[in-house]
Structure formats: structure tokens, C-alpha cells
């Protein structure tokens, strides 16, 4: 019995450490209304977050921060592809070059994401992120409700979006 109890304590400690690390990584994410921005689109022109959200009324949206040079971003890219098939997703290419270079990377990797370019990382910092991959989920009113840094689960993210979409 002592051995089983020891395993439980270790599992509880691991969960506590993981939760603490997650809280530390997202400590700079603003609360309340998401910061507005207008940024260059990878496909030309610009995207205004408020106008983009207004075109998707009543829906939660995912803003996903990634970088061309980030190996972990490549791992979770399939999750973003899956999520973007069912939910509004706007991606932010952080420190990944000019719009033409970002568009080329998206095409080479087969991603059809709506993407803005954050050449110097200022937009990511505005959202409290200093590393990628990262995301925020906004509710229908534009408030930040969830945030994450690092590898994430498509299923858990999908459930968060569904929960926000189905709240009364």
C-alpha cells in the first residue's frame, strides 16, 4: 500500500509542477478585452482584428502564435489545421520574415491559415508571449478567456472553443 500512495503523491506533485509552469508561462497575458491590432497579412493587405472578429459574430476565436523556425510549432500545426476547419482561427507568424516569406512557408507546408505577420515580435509581446507556440482564445465579446504556451492538445482546445460557443 505504501508503494501505491507514493505513486499518487508523485503524480500529484507532477501535476502541481505542470500547472505552476503553465501559470508562469502565461503570466504576462492581459486579462479582459484582447488588445486590438491591424497587421500585415501574409497574403497582402492587412487584417484588423476587430473587423475580422466582427465578420464572425457570436463565435469564439483562436489566435495562434507560431514561427517558421520553431520545431514545436511544426508538431502542433496539424492541430491548428484541424481547429481551423471548424472554428475561426487567425494565426500570427512571429519573427518569420516579410509577408511574402511567410506566405511561401504556409504554401510549402500546406496550411491555409489566415495569417498576420509579426516581424519583430511586438504583437506577441503585446499579448504577453515571448515564445511560441502559444495561443489565446477570445469569447464572442473579444475577451481573452484561455491562453496556452507550448505543445497543446487539439481536443482540449476544441472543448474550450465549444464551451465558449455554447455558454448561455
C-alpha atoms as a PDB file:
ATOM      1  CA  UNK A   1       0.000   0.000   0.000  1.00  0.00           C
ATOM      2  CA  UNK A   2       2.892   2.319   0.706  1.00  0.00           C
ATOM      3  CA  UNK A   3       4.048   1.970  -2.883  1.00  0.00           C
ATOM      4  CA  UNK A   4       0.636   2.984  -4.309  1.00  0.00           C
ATOM      5  CA  UNK A   5       0.471   6.018  -2.048  1.00  0.00           C
ATOM      6  CA  UNK A   6       3.946   7.064  -3.133  1.00  0.00           C
ATOM      7  CA  UNK A   7       2.899   6.911  -6.787  1.00  0.00           C
ATOM      8  CA  UNK A   8      -0.143   9.076  -6.059  1.00  0.00           C
ATOM      9  CA  UNK A   9       1.970  11.702  -4.300  1.00  0.00           C
ATOM     10  CA  UNK A  10       4.420  11.786  -7.207  1.00  0.00           C
ATOM     11  CA  UNK A  11       1.593  12.171  -9.724  1.00  0.00           C
ATOM     12  CA  UNK A  12       0.041  14.983  -7.678  1.00  0.00           C
ATOM     13  CA  UNK A  13       3.406  16.752  -7.456  1.00  0.00           C
ATOM     14  CA  UNK A  14       3.945  16.409 -11.203  1.00  0.00           C
ATOM     15  CA  UNK A  15       0.512  17.879 -11.928  1.00  0.00           C
ATOM     16  CA  UNK A  16       1.174  20.733  -9.498  1.00  0.00           C
ATOM     17  CA  UNK A  17       4.512  21.495 -11.180  1.00  0.00           C
ATOM     18  CA  UNK A  18       2.958  21.424 -14.663  1.00  0.00           C
ATOM     19  CA  UNK A  19       0.166  23.778 -13.573  1.00  0.00           C
ATOM     20  CA  UNK A  20       2.690  26.133 -11.966  1.00  0.00           C
ATOM     21  CA  UNK A  21       4.840  26.186 -15.119  1.00  0.00           C
ATOM     22  CA  UNK A  22       1.776  26.881 -17.273  1.00  0.00           C
ATOM     23  CA  UNK A  23       0.711  29.741 -14.991  1.00  0.00           C
ATOM     24  CA  UNK A  24       4.238  31.176 -15.082  1.00  0.00           C
ATOM     25  CA  UNK A  25       4.433  30.979 -18.894  1.00  0.00           C
ATOM     26  CA  UNK A  26       1.144  32.855 -19.346  1.00  0.00           C
ATOM     27  CA  UNK A  27       1.658  35.372 -16.526  1.00  0.00           C
ATOM     28  CA  UNK A  28       2.037  38.278 -18.963  1.00  0.00           C
ATOM     29  CA  UNK A  29      -1.133  37.570 -20.941  1.00  0.00           C
ATOM     30  CA  UNK A  30      -3.505  40.509 -20.484  1.00  0.00           C
ATOM     31  CA  UNK A  31      -6.876  39.951 -18.863  1.00  0.00           C
ATOM     32  CA  UNK A  32     -10.180  41.173 -20.221  1.00  0.00           C
ATOM     33  CA  UNK A  33     -10.557  42.533 -23.717  1.00  0.00           C
ATOM     34  CA  UNK A  34      -7.932  41.363 -26.202  1.00  0.00           C
ATOM     35  CA  UNK A  35      -5.546  44.032 -27.477  1.00  0.00           C
ATOM     36  CA  UNK A  36      -6.664  45.322 -30.873  1.00  0.00           C
ATOM     37  CA  UNK A  37      -4.295  45.326 -33.809  1.00  0.00           C
ATOM     38  CA  UNK A  38      -4.021  45.926 -37.515  1.00  0.00           C
ATOM     39  CA  UNK A  39      -1.191  43.916 -39.047  1.00  0.00           C
ATOM     40  CA  UNK A  40       0.127  42.953 -42.467  1.00  0.00           C
ATOM     41  CA  UNK A  41      -1.489  39.848 -43.901  1.00  0.00           C
ATOM     42  CA  UNK A  42       0.715  37.112 -45.336  1.00  0.00           C
ATOM     43  CA  UNK A  43      -1.427  37.236 -48.486  1.00  0.00           C
ATOM     44  CA  UNK A  44      -1.228  41.015 -48.934  1.00  0.00           C
ATOM     45  CA  UNK A  45      -3.086  43.919 -47.427  1.00  0.00           C
ATOM     46  CA  UNK A  46      -3.767  43.959 -43.720  1.00  0.00           C
ATOM     47  CA  UNK A  47      -6.049  42.369 -41.159  1.00  0.00           C
ATOM     48  CA  UNK A  48      -7.801  44.385 -38.466  1.00  0.00           C
ATOM     49  CA  UNK A  49      -8.614  42.096 -35.535  1.00  0.00           C
ATOM     50  CA  UNK A  50     -11.857  43.937 -34.709  1.00  0.00           C
ATOM     51  CA  UNK A  51     -13.130  43.738 -38.303  1.00  0.00           C
ATOM     52  CA  UNK A  52     -12.006  40.113 -38.581  1.00  0.00           C
ATOM     53  CA  UNK A  53     -13.899  39.210 -35.393  1.00  0.00           C
ATOM     54  CA  UNK A  54     -16.970  41.220 -36.493  1.00  0.00           C
ATOM     55  CA  UNK A  55     -17.160  39.023 -39.605  1.00  0.00           C
ATOM     56  CA  UNK A  56     -17.576  36.037 -37.253  1.00  0.00           C
ATOM     57  CA  UNK A  57     -20.311  37.268 -34.889  1.00  0.00           C
ATOM     58  CA  UNK A  58     -21.177  35.253 -31.818  1.00  0.00           C
ATOM     59  CA  UNK A  59     -18.220  32.890 -32.197  1.00  0.00           C
ATOM     60  CA  UNK A  60     -15.164  32.348 -30.052  1.00  0.00           C
ATOM     61  CA  UNK A  61     -11.910  32.702 -31.967  1.00  0.00           C
ATOM     62  CA  UNK A  62      -8.426  31.277 -31.604  1.00  0.00           C
ATOM     63  CA  UNK A  63      -5.369  33.476 -32.173  1.00  0.00           C
ATOM     64  CA  UNK A  64      -2.379  31.179 -32.657  1.00  0.00           C
ATOM     65  CA  UNK A  65       1.205  32.491 -32.454  1.00  0.00           C
ATOM     66  CA  UNK A  66       3.866  30.488 -34.298  1.00  0.00           C
ATOM     67  CA  UNK A  67       7.205  30.894 -36.057  1.00  0.00           C
ATOM     68  CA  UNK A  68       8.715  29.456 -39.211  1.00  0.00           C
ATOM     69  CA  UNK A  69      11.869  28.408 -37.321  1.00  0.00           C
ATOM     70  CA  UNK A  70      10.026  26.742 -34.394  1.00  0.00           C
ATOM     71  CA  UNK A  71      10.185  22.907 -34.437  1.00  0.00           C
ATOM     72  CA  UNK A  72       7.407  22.543 -31.848  1.00  0.00           C
ATOM     73  CA  UNK A  73       5.165  24.751 -34.000  1.00  0.00           C
ATOM     74  CA  UNK A  74       5.535  22.155 -36.757  1.00  0.00           C
ATOM     75  CA  UNK A  75       4.381  19.455 -34.332  1.00  0.00           C
ATOM     76  CA  UNK A  76       1.184  21.307 -33.377  1.00  0.00           C
ATOM     77  CA  UNK A  77       0.486  22.614 -36.903  1.00  0.00           C
ATOM     78  CA  UNK A  78      -1.792  19.636 -37.588  1.00  0.00           C
ATOM     79  CA  UNK A  79      -3.857  20.645 -34.536  1.00  0.00           C
ATOM     80  CA  UNK A  80      -4.234  24.156 -35.936  1.00  0.00           C
ATOM     81  CA  UNK A  81      -5.234  22.725 -39.328  1.00  0.00           C
ATOM     82  CA  UNK A  82      -7.937  20.645 -37.638  1.00  0.00           C
ATOM     83  CA  UNK A  83      -9.192  23.501 -35.491  1.00  0.00           C
ATOM     84  CA  UNK A  84      -9.280  25.950 -38.410  1.00  0.00           C
ATOM     85  CA  UNK A  85     -11.567  23.586 -40.333  1.00  0.00           C
ATOM     86  CA  UNK A  86     -14.280  24.084 -37.691  1.00  0.00           C
ATOM     87  CA  UNK A  87     -13.509  27.303 -35.810  1.00  0.00           C
ATOM     88  CA  UNK A  88     -12.345  30.822 -36.657  1.00  0.00           C
ATOM     89  CA  UNK A  89      -8.544  30.793 -36.370  1.00  0.00           C
ATOM     90  CA  UNK A  90      -6.204  33.711 -37.013  1.00  0.00           C
ATOM     91  CA  UNK A  91      -2.519  32.918 -36.874  1.00  0.00           C
ATOM     92  CA  UNK A  92       0.361  35.258 -36.114  1.00  0.00           C
ATOM     93  CA  UNK A  93       3.736  34.461 -37.704  1.00  0.00           C
ATOM     94  CA  UNK A  94       6.244  35.799 -35.182  1.00  0.00           C
ATOM     95  CA  UNK A  95       9.734  36.773 -36.354  1.00  0.00           C
ATOM     96  CA  UNK A  96       9.347  34.731 -39.532  1.00  0.00           C
ATOM     97  CA  UNK A  97      10.242  37.287 -42.198  1.00  0.00           C
ATOM     98  CA  UNK A  98       8.246  39.539 -44.511  1.00  0.00           C
ATOM     99  CA  UNK A  99       4.728  38.651 -45.725  1.00  0.00           C
ATOM    100  CA  UNK A 100       5.996  37.015 -48.941  1.00  0.00           C
ATOM    101  CA  UNK A 101       8.301  34.692 -46.987  1.00  0.00           C
ATOM    102  CA  UNK A 102       5.520  33.755 -44.563  1.00  0.00           C
ATOM    103  CA  UNK A 103       3.124  33.097 -47.475  1.00  0.00           C
ATOM    104  CA  UNK A 104       5.757  30.842 -49.072  1.00  0.00           C
ATOM    105  CA  UNK A 105       6.196  28.856 -45.816  1.00  0.00           C
ATOM    106  CA  UNK A 106       2.427  28.442 -45.445  1.00  0.00           C
ATOM    107  CA  UNK A 107       2.142  27.199 -49.047  1.00  0.00           C
ATOM    108  CA  UNK A 108       5.110  24.824 -48.717  1.00  0.00           C
ATOM    109  CA  UNK A 109       3.626  23.309 -45.572  1.00  0.00           C
ATOM    110  CA  UNK A 110       0.099  23.126 -46.977  1.00  0.00           C
ATOM    111  CA  UNK A 111      -1.511  25.433 -44.400  1.00  0.00           C
ATOM    112  CA  UNK A 112      -4.474  27.559 -45.421  1.00  0.00           C
ATOM    113  CA  UNK A 113      -4.419  29.741 -42.330  1.00  0.00           C
ATOM    114  CA  UNK A 114      -5.399  33.390 -42.243  1.00  0.00           C
ATOM    115  CA  UNK A 115      -2.105  34.823 -41.045  1.00  0.00           C
ATOM    116  CA  UNK A 116      -0.727  38.166 -39.972  1.00  0.00           C
ATOM    117  CA  UNK A 117       2.987  38.912 -39.877  1.00  0.00           C
ATOM    118  CA  UNK A 118       4.646  39.949 -36.607  1.00  0.00           C
ATOM    119  CA  UNK A 119       8.126  40.623 -37.974  1.00  0.00           C
ATOM    120  CA  UNK A 120       9.675  41.919 -34.748  1.00  0.00           C
ATOM    121  CA  UNK A 121       7.583  40.052 -32.171  1.00  0.00           C
ATOM    122  CA  UNK A 122       5.868  43.231 -30.920  1.00  0.00           C
ATOM    123  CA  UNK A 123       2.375  41.780 -31.373  1.00  0.00           C
ATOM    124  CA  UNK A 124       3.296  38.618 -29.472  1.00  0.00           C
ATOM    125  CA  UNK A 125       4.720  40.740 -26.638  1.00  0.00           C
ATOM    126  CA  UNK A 126       1.506  42.810 -26.614  1.00  0.00           C
ATOM    127  CA  UNK A 127      -0.287  39.542 -25.828  1.00  0.00           C
ATOM    128  CA  UNK A 128       2.294  38.615 -23.192  1.00  0.00           C
ATOM    129  CA  UNK A 129       4.064  35.924 -25.213  1.00  0.00           C
ATOM    130  CA  UNK A 130       7.834  35.678 -25.502  1.00  0.00           C
ATOM    131  CA  UNK A 131       7.924  32.215 -27.047  1.00  0.00           C
ATOM    132  CA  UNK A 132       5.967  30.047 -29.442  1.00  0.00           C
ATOM    133  CA  UNK A 133       3.800  28.129 -29.984  1.00  0.00           C
ATOM    134  CA  UNK A 134       1.187  29.996 -27.997  1.00  0.00           C
ATOM    135  CA  UNK A 135      -2.462  30.898 -28.299  1.00  0.00           C
ATOM    136  CA  UNK A 136      -5.315  32.847 -26.817  1.00  0.00           C
ATOM    137  CA  UNK A 137      -8.987  32.050 -27.177  1.00  0.00           C
ATOM    138  CA  UNK A 138     -11.350  35.015 -27.260  1.00  0.00           C
ATOM    139  CA  UNK A 139     -15.018  34.753 -26.407  1.00  0.00           C
ATOM    140  CA  UNK A 140     -17.693  36.286 -28.653  1.00  0.00           C
ATOM    141  CA  UNK A 141     -17.229  39.648 -26.896  1.00  0.00           C
ATOM    142  CA  UNK A 142     -13.489  39.713 -27.611  1.00  0.00           C
ATOM    143  CA  UNK A 143     -12.323  38.908 -24.081  1.00  0.00           C
ATOM    144  CA  UNK A 144      -9.349  36.625 -23.518  1.00  0.00           C
ATOM    145  CA  UNK A 145     -10.744  33.522 -21.845  1.00  0.00           C
ATOM    146  CA  UNK A 146      -7.950  30.962 -22.278  1.00  0.00           C
ATOM    147  CA  UNK A 147      -4.249  31.063 -23.100  1.00  0.00           C
ATOM    148  CA  UNK A 148      -1.520  28.490 -23.545  1.00  0.00           C
ATOM    149  CA  UNK A 149       2.197  28.339 -24.313  1.00  0.00           C
ATOM    150  CA  UNK A 150       3.922  25.256 -25.711  1.00  0.00           C
ATOM    151  CA  UNK A 151       2.547  21.987 -27.019  1.00  0.00           C
ATOM    152  CA  UNK A 152      -1.226  21.786 -26.728  1.00  0.00           C
ATOM    153  CA  UNK A 153      -3.961  19.253 -27.288  1.00  0.00           C
ATOM    154  CA  UNK A 154      -6.344  19.753 -30.196  1.00  0.00           C
ATOM    155  CA  UNK A 155      -9.086  18.014 -28.231  1.00  0.00           C
ATOM    156  CA  UNK A 156      -8.707  20.234 -25.153  1.00  0.00           C
ATOM    157  CA  UNK A 157      -8.572  23.360 -27.318  1.00  0.00           C
ATOM    158  CA  UNK A 158     -11.623  22.222 -29.279  1.00  0.00           C
ATOM    159  CA  UNK A 159     -13.503  21.670 -25.997  1.00  0.00           C
ATOM    160  CA  UNK A 160     -12.591  25.174 -24.815  1.00  0.00           C
ATOM    161  CA  UNK A 161     -13.929  26.678 -28.052  1.00  0.00           C
ATOM    162  CA  UNK A 162     -17.077  24.549 -27.865  1.00  0.00           C
ATOM    163  CA  UNK A 163     -17.659  25.531 -24.226  1.00  0.00           C
ATOM    164  CA  UNK A 164     -17.421  29.242 -25.060  1.00  0.00           C
ATOM    165  CA  UNK A 165     -19.696  28.837 -28.091  1.00  0.00           C
ATOM    166  CA  UNK A 166     -22.372  27.066 -26.044  1.00  0.00           C
ATOM    167  CA  UNK A 167     -22.480  29.248 -22.945  1.00  0.00           C
ATOM    168  CA  UNK A 168     -25.805  30.989 -22.427  1.00  0.00           C
END
